[in-house]
Amino acid sequence: MTLRRDAQISLVFVDGRVGRRLNRQFRARDYPTNVLTFGYQTRPSIVAEIVLCMPVLRREAREQGKTLRQHLAHMVVHGALHAQGYDHAHEREDRRMRLVERRLLARLRVPDPYA
């Protein structure tokens, strides 16, 4: 899959309550998650929202020994790849998505989040 450059992506920062509600409503999972991507259009350009749940991201960054900036960059890249059609539901897709994430994050000088 080729990365597309033509996109309009909004970043939405939410608290745990909103993150939980959205995850329950759209994924039937009753807990706040770190990132949700809502893709609205793929042609002629990508239009999407990336919802980032800040309390979850802060906790995960602390637990993983990363800065919040590093973890936030990773989740924005992760969400943007979902908006482009990448997925990680199966092992092969997961490997491919992680490879692209690593390459993009390296360009941003963010350490490999999977190391």
C-alpha atoms as a PDB file:
ATOM      1  CA  MET A   1       0.000   0.000   0.000  1.00  0.00           C
ATOM      2  CA  THR A   2       1.368   3.397  -0.948  1.00  0.00           C
ATOM      3  CA  LEU A   3       1.165   6.201   1.577  1.00  0.00           C
ATOM      4  CA  ARG A   4      -0.984   9.061   0.404  1.00  0.00           C
ATOM      5  CA  ARG A   5      -0.106  12.646   1.123  1.00  0.00           C
ATOM      6  CA  ASP A   6      -3.447  14.300   0.380  1.00  0.00           C
ATOM      7  CA  ALA A   7      -5.376  14.263   3.636  1.00  0.00           C
ATOM      8  CA  GLN A   8      -7.417  16.380   5.983  1.00  0.00           C
ATOM      9  CA  ILE A   9      -7.055  14.904   9.432  1.00  0.00           C
ATOM     10  CA  SER A  10      -8.424  16.428  12.606  1.00  0.00           C
ATOM     11  CA  LEU A  11      -6.927  15.535  15.966  1.00  0.00           C
ATOM     12  CA  VAL A  12      -9.449  15.402  18.793  1.00  0.00           C
ATOM     13  CA  PHE A  13      -8.167  15.200  22.381  1.00  0.00           C
ATOM     14  CA  VAL A  14     -10.617  13.716  24.892  1.00  0.00           C
ATOM     15  CA  ASP A  15     -10.814  12.751  28.538  1.00  0.00           C
ATOM     16  CA  GLY A  16     -11.427   9.221  29.815  1.00  0.00           C
ATOM     17  CA  ARG A  17     -15.195   9.605  30.008  1.00  0.00           C
ATOM     18  CA  VAL A  18     -15.533  10.580  26.349  1.00  0.00           C
ATOM     19  CA  GLY A  19     -12.920   8.021  25.290  1.00  0.00           C
ATOM     20  CA  ARG A  20     -14.870   5.274  27.034  1.00  0.00           C
ATOM     21  CA  ARG A  21     -18.193   6.390  25.546  1.00  0.00           C
ATOM     22  CA  LEU A  22     -16.804   6.464  21.999  1.00  0.00           C
ATOM     23  CA  ASN A  23     -15.079   3.104  22.378  1.00  0.00           C
ATOM     24  CA  ARG A  24     -18.276   1.572  23.754  1.00  0.00           C
ATOM     25  CA  GLN A  25     -20.446   3.136  21.045  1.00  0.00           C
ATOM     26  CA  PHE A  26     -18.249   2.313  18.042  1.00  0.00           C
ATOM     27  CA  ARG A  27     -16.295  -0.774  19.118  1.00  0.00           C
ATOM     28  CA  ALA A  28     -18.566  -2.312  21.791  1.00  0.00           C
ATOM     29  CA  ARG A  29     -15.711  -2.159  24.313  1.00  0.00           C
ATOM     30  CA  ASP A  30     -16.553  -0.565  27.637  1.00  0.00           C
ATOM     31  CA  TYR A  31     -13.271   1.159  28.499  1.00  0.00           C
ATOM     32  CA  PRO A  32     -11.366   4.174  27.246  1.00  0.00           C
ATOM     33  CA  THR A  33      -8.806   3.314  24.577  1.00  0.00           C
ATOM     34  CA  ASN A  34      -5.716   5.250  23.530  1.00  0.00           C
ATOM     35  CA  VAL A  35      -6.693   6.107  19.946  1.00  0.00           C
ATOM     36  CA  LEU A  36      -9.697   5.783  17.660  1.00  0.00           C
ATOM     37  CA  THR A  37      -9.710   6.650  13.978  1.00  0.00           C
ATOM     38  CA  PHE A  38     -12.864   7.689  12.179  1.00  0.00           C
ATOM     39  CA  GLY A  39     -12.385   7.674   8.430  1.00  0.00           C
ATOM     40  CA  TYR A  40     -15.000   9.607   6.502  1.00  0.00           C
ATOM     41  CA  GLN A  41     -13.588   9.667   2.993  1.00  0.00           C
ATOM     42  CA  THR A  42     -10.688   8.169   1.030  1.00  0.00           C
ATOM     43  CA  ARG A  43     -11.160   9.742  -2.416  1.00  0.00           C
ATOM     44  CA  PRO A  44     -10.222  12.162  -3.809  1.00  0.00           C
ATOM     45  CA  SER A  45      -8.407  12.814  -0.519  1.00  0.00           C
ATOM     46  CA  ILE A  46      -8.511  11.265   2.919  1.00  0.00           C
ATOM     47  CA  VAL A  47     -10.772  12.914   5.478  1.00  0.00           C
ATOM     48  CA  ALA A  48     -10.582  11.538   9.009  1.00  0.00           C
ATOM     49  CA  GLU A  49     -10.622  12.290  12.720  1.00  0.00           C
ATOM     50  CA  ILE A  50      -8.131  10.789  15.125  1.00  0.00           C
ATOM     51  CA  VAL A  51      -9.442  10.757  18.691  1.00  0.00           C
ATOM     52  CA  LEU A  52      -6.732  10.617  21.342  1.00  0.00           C
ATOM     53  CA  CYS A  53      -7.645   9.832  24.955  1.00  0.00           C
ATOM     54  CA  MET A  54      -5.091  11.771  26.962  1.00  0.00           C
ATOM     55  CA  PRO A  55      -5.410  10.025  30.358  1.00  0.00           C
ATOM     56  CA  VAL A  56      -4.819   6.660  28.665  1.00  0.00           C
ATOM     57  CA  LEU A  57      -1.889   8.025  26.650  1.00  0.00           C
ATOM     58  CA  ARG A  58      -0.288   9.548  29.759  1.00  0.00           C
ATOM     59  CA  ARG A  59      -0.621   6.281  31.675  1.00  0.00           C
ATOM     60  CA  GLU A  60       0.711   4.176  28.787  1.00  0.00           C
ATOM     61  CA  ALA A  61       3.690   6.500  28.235  1.00  0.00           C
ATOM     62  CA  ARG A  62       4.583   6.271  31.926  1.00  0.00           C
ATOM     63  CA  GLU A  63       4.209   2.472  31.983  1.00  0.00           C
ATOM     64  CA  GLN A  64       6.260   2.066  28.793  1.00  0.00           C
ATOM     65  CA  GLY A  65       9.019   4.451  29.862  1.00  0.00           C
ATOM     66  CA  LYS A  66       8.376   6.839  26.967  1.00  0.00           C
ATOM     67  CA  THR A  67       7.816  10.547  26.886  1.00  0.00           C
ATOM     68  CA  LEU A  68       4.251  11.662  26.261  1.00  0.00           C
ATOM     69  CA  ARG A  69       5.505  13.344  23.065  1.00  0.00           C
ATOM     70  CA  GLN A  70       6.931  10.057  21.753  1.00  0.00           C
ATOM     71  CA  HIS A  71       3.791   8.087  22.566  1.00  0.00           C
ATOM     72  CA  LEU A  72       1.508  10.771  21.177  1.00  0.00           C
ATOM     73  CA  ALA A  73       3.525  10.882  17.924  1.00  0.00           C
ATOM     74  CA  HIS A  74       3.221   7.099  17.658  1.00  0.00           C
ATOM     75  CA  MET A  75      -0.555   7.142  18.174  1.00  0.00           C
ATOM     76  CA  VAL A  76      -1.050   9.964  15.645  1.00  0.00           C
ATOM     77  CA  VAL A  77       0.973   8.019  13.055  1.00  0.00           C
ATOM     78  CA  HIS A  78      -0.927   4.842  13.982  1.00  0.00           C
ATOM     79  CA  GLY A  79      -4.277   6.598  13.573  1.00  0.00           C
ATOM     80  CA  ALA A  80      -3.246   8.213  10.286  1.00  0.00           C
ATOM     81  CA  LEU A  81      -2.281   4.806   8.906  1.00  0.00           C
ATOM     82  CA  HIS A  82      -5.702   3.452   9.872  1.00  0.00           C
ATOM     83  CA  ALA A  83      -7.238   6.380   7.960  1.00  0.00           C
ATOM     84  CA  GLN A  84      -5.255   5.215   4.922  1.00  0.00           C
ATOM     85  CA  GLY A  85      -6.590   1.672   5.189  1.00  0.00           C
ATOM     86  CA  TYR A  86      -3.862  -0.020   7.212  1.00  0.00           C
ATOM     87  CA  ASP A  87      -5.021  -2.496   9.836  1.00  0.00           C
ATOM     88  CA  HIS A  88      -3.505  -4.870  12.361  1.00  0.00           C
ATOM     89  CA  ALA A  89      -6.236  -7.454  12.757  1.00  0.00           C
ATOM     90  CA  HIS A  90      -4.065 -10.234  11.327  1.00  0.00           C
ATOM     91  CA  GLU A  91      -0.397 -11.021  11.948  1.00  0.00           C
ATOM     92  CA  ARG A  92       0.780 -10.183   8.421  1.00  0.00           C
ATOM     93  CA  GLU A  93      -1.096  -6.849   8.402  1.00  0.00           C
ATOM     94  CA  ASP A  94       0.239  -6.084  11.872  1.00  0.00           C
ATOM     95  CA  ARG A  95       3.854  -6.664  10.776  1.00  0.00           C
ATOM     96  CA  ARG A  96       3.395  -4.440   7.721  1.00  0.00           C
ATOM     97  CA  MET A  97       1.730  -1.653   9.709  1.00  0.00           C
ATOM     98  CA  ARG A  98       4.424  -1.732  12.398  1.00  0.00           C
ATOM     99  CA  LEU A  99       7.140  -1.521   9.738  1.00  0.00           C
ATOM    100  CA  VAL A 100       5.562   1.603   8.240  1.00  0.00           C
ATOM    101  CA  GLU A 101       5.068   3.101  11.719  1.00  0.00           C
ATOM    102  CA  ARG A 102       8.740   2.529  12.557  1.00  0.00           C
ATOM    103  CA  ARG A 103       9.886   4.162   9.308  1.00  0.00           C
ATOM    104  CA  LEU A 104       7.656   7.213   9.726  1.00  0.00           C
ATOM    105  CA  LEU A 105       8.548   7.647  13.387  1.00  0.00           C
ATOM    106  CA  ALA A 106      12.264   7.383  12.603  1.00  0.00           C
ATOM    107  CA  ARG A 107      11.839  10.292  10.179  1.00  0.00           C
ATOM    108  CA  LEU A 108      10.347  12.244  13.106  1.00  0.00           C
ATOM    109  CA  ARG A 109      13.268  11.168  15.326  1.00  0.00           C
ATOM    110  CA  VAL A 110      10.962   9.150  17.570  1.00  0.00           C
ATOM    111  CA  PRO A 111      12.466   5.904  18.883  1.00  0.00           C
ATOM    112  CA  ASP A 112      11.029   2.573  17.778  1.00  0.00           C
ATOM    113  CA  PRO A 113       7.910   2.133  19.945  1.00  0.00           C
ATOM    114  CA  TYR A 114       8.102  -1.640  19.617  1.00  0.00           C
ATOM    115  CA  ALA A 115      11.755  -2.047  20.666  1.00  0.00           C
END
